[in-house]
Structures are given as C-alpha cells and as structure tokens.
Amino acid sequence: MKPLKNLIVLSAWMLRLVVLSEVYQRFFDTIVSFSFKGLNFFIALTMATFAVVLFLSGFTKKPTLPIIAGFMITAISVALMFNGGITVEKVLNNFIVAAIGVVFMARGNS
C-alpha cells in the first residue's frame, strides 16, 4: 500500500498550527503582562518567537529556519519539563511540543 504523499505537506502545516496554538494557550497571559522582573516572561517570549518563526518558515524554501526553531522549541520544552522537579503533569504538558520540535529539527522543510 502506498502512503498518501500529498498529506505530508498538510500534516506539517497541522503540526505548525498545533505548536502555535499550544504556545498561545500556555504563554499568552505571561507575554501580555509585560513583567520583565521574572524569567517566565523571557521564556514565554522566546517560545512564542520561535513558534512564529516555525510557522513562517513554512513559506520559505530555506531548511535552516525550521531546524533552528525546532531546536529552540525542543530545548525550551525539555527545560520546562525538568524545571523545579519532574511531575507527570509537566512532562505531559511539554512532551507534545517537544516532540513536534524534534520533527522539525530533524526534517527541516523537506
């Protein structure tokens, strides 16, 4: 049975939208607060920036943008998993975004 190769492009865009929606859901309130006092604002701002870069890199042919964005999204998600102790809730909240980051880090725009 042949795989449906046309769905690869659709699935990549769906993964990009999942990352955008997860970052929006989790970090929007932190970014809007503009509280420069804590580290949480800068983590949220970095995550949101690279989620937007990952989404916009779908419109380019350059393979390096999604690789860099995927690496940063994965690194931040893994760091958030282990920040302040490991709990099942933290791992489950960050695992999907980290896994999507690994996919884009490994594949780029191919």
Protein backbone atom coordinates (compact mmCIF):
# COMPACT_ATOMS: atom_id res chain seq x y z
CA MET A 1 0.00 0.00 0.00
CA LYS A 2 1.39 3.38 -1.00
CA PRO A 3 1.32 6.16 1.55
CA LEU A 4 -0.56 9.31 0.70
CA LYS A 5 2.39 11.57 -0.03
CA ASN A 6 0.20 14.61 -0.57
CA LEU A 7 -0.77 14.52 3.09
CA ILE A 8 2.82 15.10 4.24
CA VAL A 9 2.57 18.81 3.46
CA LEU A 10 -0.81 19.05 5.18
CA SER A 11 0.48 17.25 8.27
CA ALA A 12 3.49 19.58 8.51
CA TRP A 13 1.17 22.59 8.48
CA MET A 14 -1.07 20.94 11.07
CA LEU A 15 1.95 20.42 13.33
CA ARG A 16 2.92 24.07 12.91
CA LEU A 17 -0.60 25.11 13.90
CA VAL A 18 -0.52 22.81 16.94
CA VAL A 19 2.68 24.47 18.15
CA LEU A 20 1.20 27.94 17.64
CA SER A 21 -1.99 27.07 19.47
CA GLU A 22 -0.17 25.41 22.38
CA VAL A 23 2.20 28.33 22.79
CA TYR A 24 -0.70 30.78 22.60
CA GLN A 25 -2.71 28.84 25.15
CA ARG A 26 0.15 28.41 27.59
CA PHE A 27 2.14 31.63 27.30
CA PHE A 28 -0.18 34.40 26.04
CA ASP A 29 -1.10 35.72 29.50
CA THR A 30 2.56 35.85 30.52
CA ILE A 31 3.56 37.77 27.40
CA VAL A 32 0.70 40.26 27.70
CA SER A 33 1.61 41.06 31.32
CA PHE A 34 4.99 42.57 30.24
CA SER A 35 6.57 41.65 33.56
CA PHE A 36 10.30 41.93 32.96
CA LYS A 37 11.08 41.02 36.57
CA GLY A 38 10.95 37.26 36.21
CA LEU A 39 12.44 34.67 33.92
CA ASN A 40 8.99 33.38 32.93
CA PHE A 41 8.35 36.36 30.65
CA PHE A 42 11.56 35.81 28.70
CA ILE A 43 10.93 32.07 28.37
CA ALA A 44 7.41 32.75 27.11
CA LEU A 45 8.62 35.44 24.71
CA THR A 46 11.36 33.17 23.33
CA MET A 47 8.94 30.28 22.91
CA ALA A 48 6.39 32.50 21.14
CA THR A 49 9.05 33.98 18.87
CA PHE A 50 10.32 30.61 17.75
CA ALA A 51 6.79 29.25 17.31
CA VAL A 52 6.07 32.15 14.93
CA VAL A 53 9.41 31.55 13.17
CA LEU A 54 8.48 27.87 12.78
CA PHE A 55 5.12 28.82 11.29
CA LEU A 56 6.56 31.44 8.93
CA SER A 57 9.38 29.13 7.84
CA GLY A 58 6.75 27.05 6.07
CA PHE A 59 6.51 29.80 3.47
CA THR A 60 10.23 29.69 2.66
CA LYS A 61 12.40 27.11 0.95
CA LYS A 62 15.32 27.56 3.35
CA PRO A 63 15.81 24.45 5.51
CA THR A 64 17.69 26.19 8.33
CA LEU A 65 14.83 28.24 9.80
CA PRO A 66 12.65 25.30 10.90
CA ILE A 67 15.72 23.43 12.14
CA ILE A 68 16.75 26.31 14.41
CA ALA A 69 13.17 26.94 15.54
CA GLY A 70 12.62 23.23 16.17
CA PHE A 71 15.80 23.04 18.22
CA MET A 72 14.86 26.02 20.37
CA ILE A 73 11.28 24.80 20.87
CA THR A 74 12.58 21.38 21.88
CA ALA A 75 15.22 22.81 24.21
CA ILE A 76 12.77 25.11 25.98
CA SER A 77 10.11 22.40 26.28
CA VAL A 78 12.59 19.92 27.75
CA ALA A 79 13.90 22.57 30.13
CA LEU A 80 10.33 23.29 31.27
CA MET A 81 9.80 19.57 31.87
CA PHE A 82 12.65 19.38 34.34
CA ASN A 83 12.38 22.85 35.88
CA GLY A 84 11.73 22.56 39.60
CA GLY A 85 11.35 18.81 39.70
CA ILE A 86 9.74 16.27 37.45
CA THR A 87 6.00 15.72 37.63
CA VAL A 88 3.75 13.78 35.31
CA GLU A 89 1.72 16.91 34.58
CA LYS A 90 4.79 18.89 33.48
CA VAL A 91 6.02 16.09 31.26
CA LEU A 92 2.63 15.62 29.62
CA ASN A 93 2.17 19.37 29.09
CA ASN A 94 5.52 19.79 27.35
CA PHE A 95 6.09 16.45 25.63
CA ILE A 96 3.92 17.06 22.56
CA VAL A 97 5.52 20.42 21.79
CA ALA A 98 8.99 18.95 22.34
CA ALA A 99 8.19 16.04 20.01
CA ILE A 100 6.97 18.40 17.29
CA GLY A 101 10.13 20.45 17.73
CA VAL A 102 12.21 17.30 17.20
CA VAL A 103 10.30 16.54 13.98
CA PHE A 104 11.09 19.95 12.53
CA MET A 105 14.64 19.85 13.85
CA ALA A 106 15.17 16.53 12.05
CA ARG A 107 13.31 17.25 8.80
CA GLY A 108 13.52 20.98 8.22
CA ASN A 109 11.34 21.99 5.28
CA SER A 110 11.69 18.71 3.42
